[in-house]
N, C-alpha and C. Protein backbone atom coordinates (compact mmCIF):
# COMPACT_ATOMS: atom_id res chain seq x y z
N MET A 1 2.08 17.02 8.59
CA MET A 1 1.81 17.27 7.20
C MET A 1 0.99 16.12 6.63
N ASN A 2 -0.12 16.43 5.99
CA ASN A 2 -0.94 15.44 5.31
C ASN A 2 -0.94 15.74 3.82
N LYS A 3 -0.80 14.69 3.03
CA LYS A 3 -0.87 14.83 1.57
C LYS A 3 -1.82 13.77 1.04
N PHE A 4 -2.48 14.10 -0.06
CA PHE A 4 -3.48 13.21 -0.64
C PHE A 4 -3.19 12.97 -2.11
N LEU A 5 -3.52 11.76 -2.57
CA LEU A 5 -3.44 11.41 -3.98
C LEU A 5 -4.62 10.50 -4.29
N VAL A 6 -5.25 10.76 -5.42
CA VAL A 6 -6.34 9.91 -5.91
C VAL A 6 -5.96 9.48 -7.32
N ILE A 7 -6.01 8.16 -7.57
CA ILE A 7 -5.66 7.65 -8.90
C ILE A 7 -6.76 6.74 -9.43
N GLU A 8 -6.84 6.65 -10.74
CA GLU A 8 -7.71 5.69 -11.39
C GLU A 8 -7.09 4.31 -11.28
N SER A 9 -7.91 3.28 -11.42
CA SER A 9 -7.44 1.90 -11.27
C SER A 9 -6.77 1.41 -12.55
N ASP A 10 -5.54 1.83 -12.73
CA ASP A 10 -4.69 1.42 -13.85
C ASP A 10 -3.29 1.23 -13.27
N VAL A 11 -2.71 0.05 -13.47
CA VAL A 11 -1.40 -0.22 -12.88
C VAL A 11 -0.32 0.76 -13.37
N LYS A 12 -0.56 1.42 -14.49
CA LYS A 12 0.39 2.43 -14.96
C LYS A 12 0.47 3.60 -13.98
N ASN A 13 -0.53 3.77 -13.15
CA ASN A 13 -0.53 4.87 -12.18
C ASN A 13 0.38 4.64 -10.99
N ILE A 14 1.00 3.47 -10.91
CA ILE A 14 1.98 3.22 -9.84
C ILE A 14 3.12 4.24 -9.95
N ASP A 15 3.43 4.68 -11.15
CA ASP A 15 4.46 5.70 -11.32
C ASP A 15 4.04 7.01 -10.65
N LYS A 16 2.75 7.36 -10.70
CA LYS A 16 2.25 8.54 -10.00
C LYS A 16 2.42 8.38 -8.49
N VAL A 17 2.23 7.16 -8.02
CA VAL A 17 2.41 6.88 -6.59
C VAL A 17 3.87 7.06 -6.21
N ARG A 18 4.79 6.58 -7.06
CA ARG A 18 6.22 6.75 -6.79
C ARG A 18 6.59 8.23 -6.70
N ILE A 19 6.10 9.03 -7.64
CA ILE A 19 6.38 10.46 -7.64
C ILE A 19 5.78 11.12 -6.39
N PHE A 20 4.58 10.71 -6.03
CA PHE A 20 3.91 11.23 -4.84
C PHE A 20 4.72 10.92 -3.57
N ILE A 21 5.13 9.67 -3.42
CA ILE A 21 5.90 9.29 -2.23
C ILE A 21 7.25 10.00 -2.22
N SER A 22 7.85 10.17 -3.37
CA SER A 22 9.10 10.91 -3.47
C SER A 22 8.92 12.35 -2.98
N SER A 23 7.80 12.97 -3.35
CA SER A 23 7.55 14.34 -2.91
C SER A 23 7.31 14.40 -1.40
N VAL A 24 6.68 13.37 -0.84
CA VAL A 24 6.48 13.30 0.61
C VAL A 24 7.84 13.23 1.30
N PHE A 25 8.72 12.39 0.80
CA PHE A 25 10.05 12.28 1.39
C PHE A 25 10.78 13.62 1.35
N SER A 26 10.69 14.30 0.24
CA SER A 26 11.35 15.59 0.08
C SER A 26 10.77 16.64 1.03
N GLU A 27 9.45 16.76 1.05
CA GLU A 27 8.80 17.76 1.89
C GLU A 27 8.97 17.50 3.38
N CYS A 28 9.06 16.24 3.76
CA CYS A 28 9.22 15.89 5.18
C CYS A 28 10.68 15.80 5.59
N GLY A 29 11.58 15.90 4.63
CA GLY A 29 13.01 15.79 4.93
C GLY A 29 13.40 14.40 5.39
N LEU A 30 12.75 13.37 4.84
CA LEU A 30 13.03 11.99 5.25
C LEU A 30 14.28 11.47 4.54
N ASP A 31 15.02 10.65 5.24
CA ASP A 31 16.24 10.05 4.68
C ASP A 31 15.87 9.06 3.58
N LEU A 32 16.44 9.24 2.41
CA LEU A 32 16.13 8.38 1.26
C LEU A 32 16.53 6.93 1.45
N ILE A 33 17.28 6.64 2.49
CA ILE A 33 17.65 5.25 2.77
C ILE A 33 16.39 4.40 3.02
N HIS A 34 15.30 5.03 3.42
CA HIS A 34 14.04 4.34 3.72
C HIS A 34 13.10 4.27 2.52
N PHE A 35 13.42 4.98 1.43
CA PHE A 35 12.48 5.13 0.32
C PHE A 35 12.04 3.79 -0.28
N ASN A 36 12.98 2.93 -0.61
CA ASN A 36 12.61 1.66 -1.27
C ASN A 36 11.72 0.79 -0.40
N ARG A 37 12.03 0.71 0.89
CA ARG A 37 11.20 -0.08 1.81
C ARG A 37 9.77 0.46 1.84
N VAL A 38 9.64 1.77 1.91
CA VAL A 38 8.33 2.40 1.97
C VAL A 38 7.59 2.25 0.63
N PHE A 39 8.27 2.58 -0.46
CA PHE A 39 7.61 2.55 -1.76
C PHE A 39 7.20 1.14 -2.18
N ILE A 40 8.04 0.16 -1.93
CA ILE A 40 7.69 -1.21 -2.31
C ILE A 40 6.43 -1.66 -1.56
N GLY A 41 6.36 -1.39 -0.27
CA GLY A 41 5.17 -1.77 0.49
C GLY A 41 3.92 -1.06 0.00
N ILE A 42 4.02 0.25 -0.22
CA ILE A 42 2.87 1.01 -0.69
C ILE A 42 2.46 0.56 -2.08
N SER A 43 3.43 0.32 -2.95
CA SER A 43 3.08 -0.09 -4.32
C SER A 43 2.39 -1.46 -4.33
N GLU A 44 2.78 -2.35 -3.43
CA GLU A 44 2.10 -3.65 -3.32
C GLU A 44 0.65 -3.45 -2.90
N ALA A 45 0.42 -2.59 -1.92
CA ALA A 45 -0.94 -2.34 -1.43
C ALA A 45 -1.79 -1.66 -2.51
N VAL A 46 -1.23 -0.68 -3.21
CA VAL A 46 -1.98 0.01 -4.25
C VAL A 46 -2.27 -0.93 -5.41
N THR A 47 -1.30 -1.75 -5.79
CA THR A 47 -1.52 -2.73 -6.86
C THR A 47 -2.65 -3.68 -6.49
N ASN A 48 -2.67 -4.14 -5.24
CA ASN A 48 -3.77 -5.01 -4.79
C ASN A 48 -5.11 -4.28 -4.88
N SER A 49 -5.13 -3.00 -4.51
CA SER A 49 -6.37 -2.22 -4.59
C SER A 49 -6.84 -2.10 -6.03
N ILE A 50 -5.92 -1.85 -6.94
CA ILE A 50 -6.26 -1.68 -8.35
C ILE A 50 -6.76 -2.99 -8.96
N ILE A 51 -5.99 -4.07 -8.77
CA ILE A 51 -6.29 -5.34 -9.43
C ILE A 51 -7.40 -6.11 -8.72
N HIS A 52 -7.22 -6.33 -7.42
CA HIS A 52 -8.16 -7.20 -6.70
C HIS A 52 -9.36 -6.42 -6.15
N GLY A 53 -9.11 -5.23 -5.63
CA GLY A 53 -10.20 -4.44 -5.07
C GLY A 53 -11.11 -3.87 -6.13
N ASN A 54 -10.53 -3.06 -7.01
CA ASN A 54 -11.31 -2.36 -8.03
C ASN A 54 -11.43 -3.12 -9.34
N GLN A 55 -10.88 -4.33 -9.39
CA GLN A 55 -11.02 -5.21 -10.56
C GLN A 55 -10.57 -4.56 -11.87
N LEU A 56 -9.58 -3.67 -11.80
CA LEU A 56 -9.05 -2.97 -12.98
C LEU A 56 -10.10 -2.12 -13.70
N ILE A 57 -11.14 -1.73 -12.99
CA ILE A 57 -12.16 -0.85 -13.57
C ILE A 57 -11.65 0.59 -13.39
N ARG A 58 -11.23 1.19 -14.51
CA ARG A 58 -10.56 2.50 -14.46
C ARG A 58 -11.38 3.57 -13.75
N SER A 59 -12.69 3.50 -13.83
CA SER A 59 -13.52 4.54 -13.21
C SER A 59 -13.54 4.44 -11.69
N LYS A 60 -13.11 3.30 -11.16
CA LYS A 60 -13.01 3.16 -9.71
C LYS A 60 -11.68 3.73 -9.27
N LEU A 61 -11.69 4.38 -8.13
CA LEU A 61 -10.52 5.13 -7.67
C LEU A 61 -9.83 4.46 -6.48
N VAL A 62 -8.56 4.81 -6.33
CA VAL A 62 -7.77 4.43 -5.16
C VAL A 62 -7.35 5.73 -4.49
N PHE A 63 -7.58 5.81 -3.18
CA PHE A 63 -7.32 7.02 -2.41
C PHE A 63 -6.13 6.78 -1.48
N LEU A 64 -5.16 7.68 -1.51
CA LEU A 64 -4.01 7.59 -0.63
C LEU A 64 -3.95 8.85 0.22
N GLU A 65 -3.68 8.67 1.49
CA GLU A 65 -3.41 9.78 2.39
C GLU A 65 -2.14 9.45 3.15
N VAL A 66 -1.22 10.40 3.21
CA VAL A 66 0.04 10.19 3.90
C VAL A 66 0.20 11.27 4.96
N CYS A 67 0.54 10.86 6.15
CA CYS A 67 0.79 11.77 7.26
C CYS A 67 2.21 11.51 7.77
N CYS A 68 2.98 12.56 7.85
CA CYS A 68 4.36 12.44 8.29
C CYS A 68 4.54 13.28 9.55
N LYS A 69 4.86 12.61 10.66
CA LYS A 69 5.15 13.35 11.89
C LYS A 69 5.83 12.45 12.91
N SER A 70 6.63 13.05 13.72
CA SER A 70 7.28 12.37 14.85
C SER A 70 7.99 11.09 14.45
N GLY A 71 8.71 11.11 13.34
CA GLY A 71 9.47 9.93 12.92
C GLY A 71 8.63 8.78 12.42
N ARG A 72 7.37 9.08 12.09
CA ARG A 72 6.46 8.05 11.57
C ARG A 72 5.83 8.53 10.27
N LEU A 73 5.70 7.61 9.36
CA LEU A 73 5.00 7.85 8.11
C LEU A 73 3.78 6.94 8.14
N VAL A 74 2.58 7.54 8.15
CA VAL A 74 1.34 6.78 8.21
C VAL A 74 0.64 6.93 6.87
N VAL A 75 0.39 5.81 6.21
CA VAL A 75 -0.21 5.80 4.89
C VAL A 75 -1.55 5.08 4.96
N SER A 76 -2.60 5.76 4.52
CA SER A 76 -3.93 5.15 4.44
C SER A 76 -4.27 4.96 2.97
N ILE A 77 -4.73 3.77 2.63
CA ILE A 77 -5.09 3.45 1.24
C ILE A 77 -6.51 2.87 1.27
N LYS A 78 -7.35 3.36 0.37
CA LYS A 78 -8.73 2.86 0.30
C LYS A 78 -9.11 2.71 -1.16
N ASP A 79 -9.84 1.62 -1.46
CA ASP A 79 -10.33 1.41 -2.82
C ASP A 79 -11.85 1.37 -2.81
N GLN A 80 -12.44 1.24 -3.99
CA GLN A 80 -13.89 1.21 -4.13
C GLN A 80 -14.41 -0.19 -4.47
N GLY A 81 -13.64 -1.18 -4.08
CA GLY A 81 -14.04 -2.56 -4.35
C GLY A 81 -14.97 -3.11 -3.28
N ALA A 82 -15.23 -4.41 -3.39
CA ALA A 82 -16.14 -5.09 -2.46
C ALA A 82 -15.47 -5.47 -1.15
N GLY A 83 -14.16 -5.36 -1.07
CA GLY A 83 -13.43 -5.74 0.13
C GLY A 83 -13.04 -7.22 0.11
N PHE A 84 -12.29 -7.63 1.11
CA PHE A 84 -11.89 -9.03 1.21
C PHE A 84 -11.64 -9.35 2.67
N ASP A 85 -11.61 -10.63 2.97
CA ASP A 85 -11.35 -11.09 4.33
C ASP A 85 -9.84 -11.24 4.49
N PHE A 86 -9.21 -10.22 5.03
CA PHE A 86 -7.76 -10.20 5.17
C PHE A 86 -7.26 -11.26 6.14
N ASN A 87 -8.12 -11.78 6.97
CA ASN A 87 -7.72 -12.85 7.90
C ASN A 87 -7.54 -14.18 7.18
N ARG A 88 -8.05 -14.28 5.95
CA ARG A 88 -7.95 -15.53 5.20
C ARG A 88 -6.81 -15.52 4.18
N ALA A 89 -6.01 -14.46 4.17
CA ALA A 89 -4.87 -14.41 3.26
C ALA A 89 -3.89 -15.52 3.65
N TYR A 90 -3.43 -16.24 2.66
CA TYR A 90 -2.55 -17.37 2.97
C TYR A 90 -1.08 -16.96 3.00
N ASP A 91 -0.28 -17.79 3.63
CA ASP A 91 1.16 -17.56 3.75
C ASP A 91 1.83 -18.12 2.50
N PRO A 92 2.41 -17.26 1.65
CA PRO A 92 3.02 -17.75 0.41
C PRO A 92 4.33 -18.51 0.63
N THR A 93 4.82 -18.53 1.86
CA THR A 93 6.07 -19.27 2.12
C THR A 93 5.81 -20.70 2.60
N SER A 94 4.55 -21.04 2.87
CA SER A 94 4.28 -22.41 3.32
C SER A 94 4.37 -23.37 2.12
N THR A 95 4.68 -24.59 2.37
CA THR A 95 4.95 -25.60 1.34
C THR A 95 3.85 -25.69 0.29
N GLY A 96 2.59 -25.72 0.71
CA GLY A 96 1.49 -25.86 -0.23
C GLY A 96 1.24 -24.63 -1.09
N ASN A 97 1.80 -23.50 -0.70
CA ASN A 97 1.52 -22.25 -1.41
C ASN A 97 2.73 -21.70 -2.19
N ILE A 98 3.87 -22.32 -2.04
CA ILE A 98 5.11 -21.77 -2.58
C ILE A 98 5.07 -21.55 -4.09
N LYS A 99 4.31 -22.35 -4.83
CA LYS A 99 4.27 -22.22 -6.28
C LYS A 99 3.07 -21.43 -6.79
N LYS A 100 2.23 -20.95 -5.88
CA LYS A 100 1.07 -20.16 -6.28
C LYS A 100 1.53 -18.80 -6.79
N GLU A 101 0.83 -18.30 -7.80
CA GLU A 101 1.17 -17.01 -8.40
C GLU A 101 0.88 -15.83 -7.48
N GLY A 102 -0.23 -15.85 -6.76
CA GLY A 102 -0.64 -14.70 -5.96
C GLY A 102 -0.29 -14.86 -4.50
N GLY A 103 -0.68 -13.86 -3.73
CA GLY A 103 -0.53 -13.93 -2.29
C GLY A 103 0.74 -13.34 -1.73
N ARG A 104 1.61 -12.85 -2.58
CA ARG A 104 2.89 -12.34 -2.08
C ARG A 104 2.82 -10.89 -1.62
N GLY A 105 1.89 -10.11 -2.20
CA GLY A 105 1.82 -8.68 -1.91
C GLY A 105 1.60 -8.39 -0.44
N ILE A 106 0.62 -9.04 0.17
CA ILE A 106 0.34 -8.83 1.59
C ILE A 106 1.52 -9.27 2.44
N PHE A 107 2.12 -10.39 2.08
CA PHE A 107 3.28 -10.90 2.81
C PHE A 107 4.43 -9.90 2.75
N ILE A 108 4.72 -9.38 1.56
CA ILE A 108 5.80 -8.40 1.39
C ILE A 108 5.50 -7.16 2.21
N LEU A 109 4.29 -6.65 2.09
CA LEU A 109 3.90 -5.45 2.83
C LEU A 109 4.09 -5.63 4.33
N LYS A 110 3.59 -6.72 4.86
CA LYS A 110 3.70 -6.96 6.31
C LYS A 110 5.15 -7.07 6.78
N ASN A 111 6.03 -7.52 5.90
CA ASN A 111 7.43 -7.66 6.28
C ASN A 111 8.24 -6.38 6.10
N LEU A 112 7.73 -5.44 5.34
CA LEU A 112 8.44 -4.17 5.13
C LEU A 112 7.96 -3.07 6.06
N ALA A 113 6.69 -3.11 6.44
CA ALA A 113 6.11 -2.06 7.28
C ALA A 113 6.27 -2.41 8.76
N ASP A 114 6.15 -1.40 9.59
CA ASP A 114 6.20 -1.63 11.03
C ASP A 114 4.83 -2.01 11.58
N GLU A 115 3.78 -1.62 10.85
CA GLU A 115 2.42 -1.96 11.27
C GLU A 115 1.51 -1.91 10.05
N VAL A 116 0.61 -2.89 9.94
CA VAL A 116 -0.39 -2.92 8.87
C VAL A 116 -1.72 -3.27 9.52
N VAL A 117 -2.71 -2.39 9.33
CA VAL A 117 -4.04 -2.61 9.90
C VAL A 117 -5.06 -2.46 8.79
N TYR A 118 -5.84 -3.51 8.55
CA TYR A 118 -6.89 -3.48 7.53
C TYR A 118 -8.18 -2.98 8.14
N SER A 119 -8.99 -2.30 7.32
CA SER A 119 -10.31 -1.86 7.77
C SER A 119 -11.21 -3.08 7.93
N GLY A 120 -12.29 -2.92 8.65
CA GLY A 120 -13.19 -4.04 8.92
C GLY A 120 -13.72 -4.72 7.68
N ASP A 121 -13.99 -3.94 6.61
CA ASP A 121 -14.56 -4.54 5.41
C ASP A 121 -13.50 -4.92 4.37
N GLY A 122 -12.25 -4.64 4.66
CA GLY A 122 -11.17 -5.02 3.74
C GLY A 122 -11.03 -4.14 2.52
N THR A 123 -11.64 -2.95 2.53
CA THR A 123 -11.47 -2.03 1.39
C THR A 123 -10.40 -0.98 1.65
N GLY A 124 -9.81 -1.02 2.81
CA GLY A 124 -8.79 -0.04 3.14
C GLY A 124 -7.79 -0.59 4.13
N LEU A 125 -6.68 0.11 4.24
CA LEU A 125 -5.68 -0.28 5.22
C LEU A 125 -4.87 0.91 5.62
N LYS A 126 -4.24 0.78 6.77
CA LYS A 126 -3.31 1.79 7.28
C LYS A 126 -1.96 1.10 7.43
N ILE A 127 -0.93 1.77 6.89
CA ILE A 127 0.43 1.25 6.95
C ILE A 127 1.26 2.26 7.75
N VAL A 128 2.02 1.77 8.71
CA VAL A 128 2.88 2.65 9.51
C VAL A 128 4.33 2.24 9.30
N TYR A 129 5.13 3.25 8.99
CA TYR A 129 6.58 3.07 8.88
C TYR A 129 7.23 3.96 9.91
N LYS A 130 8.12 3.40 10.72
CA LYS A 130 8.92 4.20 11.64
C LYS A 130 10.19 4.59 10.91
N ILE A 131 10.32 5.88 10.70
CA ILE A 131 11.49 6.41 9.98
C ILE A 131 12.41 7.00 11.03
N ARG A 132 13.43 6.27 11.38
CA ARG A 132 14.34 6.69 12.46
C ARG A 132 15.35 7.68 11.98
């Protein structure tokens, strides 16, 4: 099963993402025990796309595609921004970065998902959750 959602770059649309992911869980018959782990990771990625990728320009869109099969939930997220070098994201738990305001979203996502793969230009990513 594949489902799609397209939202404008407004952080208020995170609620639409929550409703969308909830419907995916319902349609796929996924155990709700996994919902918070999945939604928190996806919401961090979408928030990064809205704020950092699309620079809060409402006319720029964020595209989500979710595929549910064989105990795996695969989420693809793409924005219309300039991209970023995901290899240069810093570790927010290191001593020099602990008080910095940003940088936690990628860290949270990587710790909640089973796999995170960024596109070559940094405008998209694929998140894999194993739903046992």
